[in-house]
Amino acid sequence: MNVNYNLVEANSASLIIVSQSGNNSTGTYNVDLNATQTTINLINYLPGLYTIALIVNGEVVDSETLIKQ
């Protein structure tokens, strides 16, 4: 899955994936501060609902819901 992002004045940034389905699947991915896209492999994630949050300088700046089938 490709994730697009736009970082402005970022000293650190990461993507966090958290399950909303209670299956304990989570992941944290560091992102390149000079890029605008990263690819995340979801093969090890169980089907269900997930929240993907973009954390910049320690604060959530954006989030979206992902449905993994």
Protein backbone atom coordinates (compact mmCIF):
# COMPACT_ATOMS: atom_id res chain seq x y z
CA MET A 1 0.00 0.00 0.00
CA ASN A 2 1.33 3.44 -0.89
CA VAL A 3 0.87 6.25 1.63
CA ASN A 4 1.21 9.85 0.46
CA TYR A 5 2.13 12.61 2.89
CA ASN A 6 3.34 16.21 2.89
CA LEU A 7 5.71 17.18 5.67
CA VAL A 8 6.25 20.84 6.55
CA GLU A 9 8.85 21.81 9.17
CA ALA A 10 9.18 18.21 10.35
CA ASN A 11 12.04 17.12 12.59
CA SER A 12 10.65 13.60 12.93
CA ALA A 13 7.80 11.69 11.36
CA SER A 14 6.29 8.22 11.44
CA LEU A 15 3.20 6.31 10.42
CA ILE A 16 1.39 4.23 13.01
CA ILE A 17 -1.11 1.54 12.08
CA VAL A 18 -3.51 0.44 14.82
CA SER A 19 -6.24 -2.20 14.56
CA GLN A 20 -9.83 -1.15 15.26
CA SER A 21 -10.95 -4.79 15.10
CA GLY A 22 -9.34 -6.02 18.31
CA ASN A 23 -6.87 -8.33 16.56
CA ASN A 24 -3.80 -6.66 18.14
CA SER A 25 -2.18 -5.91 14.77
CA THR A 26 -0.11 -2.73 15.00
CA GLY A 27 2.92 -1.27 13.31
CA THR A 28 5.15 1.80 13.37
CA TYR A 29 7.05 2.96 10.30
CA ASN A 30 9.58 5.79 10.13
CA VAL A 31 9.13 7.96 7.06
CA ASP A 32 11.71 9.81 4.99
CA LEU A 33 11.45 13.51 5.84
CA ASN A 34 12.47 14.44 2.29
CA ALA A 35 9.96 12.17 0.52
CA THR A 36 6.22 12.48 -0.10
CA GLN A 37 5.33 8.79 -0.26
CA THR A 38 6.17 5.50 1.42
CA THR A 39 5.13 1.91 0.78
CA ILE A 40 3.86 -0.35 3.56
CA ASN A 41 3.52 -4.10 3.12
CA LEU A 42 0.22 -5.23 4.67
CA ILE A 43 0.69 -8.97 4.02
CA ASN A 44 1.08 -9.77 7.74
CA TYR A 45 -1.99 -7.76 8.79
CA LEU A 46 -5.22 -9.66 9.39
CA PRO A 47 -8.41 -8.56 7.64
CA GLY A 48 -10.21 -5.79 9.50
CA LEU A 49 -10.39 -2.07 10.18
CA TYR A 50 -7.23 -0.08 10.91
CA THR A 51 -6.36 3.53 11.65
CA ILE A 52 -3.28 4.90 9.93
CA ALA A 53 -1.96 8.00 11.71
CA LEU A 54 0.79 10.35 10.56
CA ILE A 55 2.82 11.53 13.56
CA VAL A 56 4.96 14.64 12.99
CA ASN A 57 7.16 16.07 15.74
CA GLY A 58 5.29 13.89 18.27
CA GLU A 59 1.77 15.00 17.29
CA VAL A 60 -0.92 13.33 15.17
CA VAL A 61 -1.38 15.57 12.13
CA ASP A 62 -3.52 13.29 9.97
CA SER A 63 -5.27 9.94 10.13
CA GLU A 64 -7.38 7.74 7.89
CA THR A 65 -9.28 4.48 8.18
CA LEU A 66 -8.08 1.47 6.21
CA ILE A 67 -10.21 -1.59 5.46
CA LYS A 68 -8.01 -4.66 4.89
CA GLN A 69 -9.86 -7.48 3.18
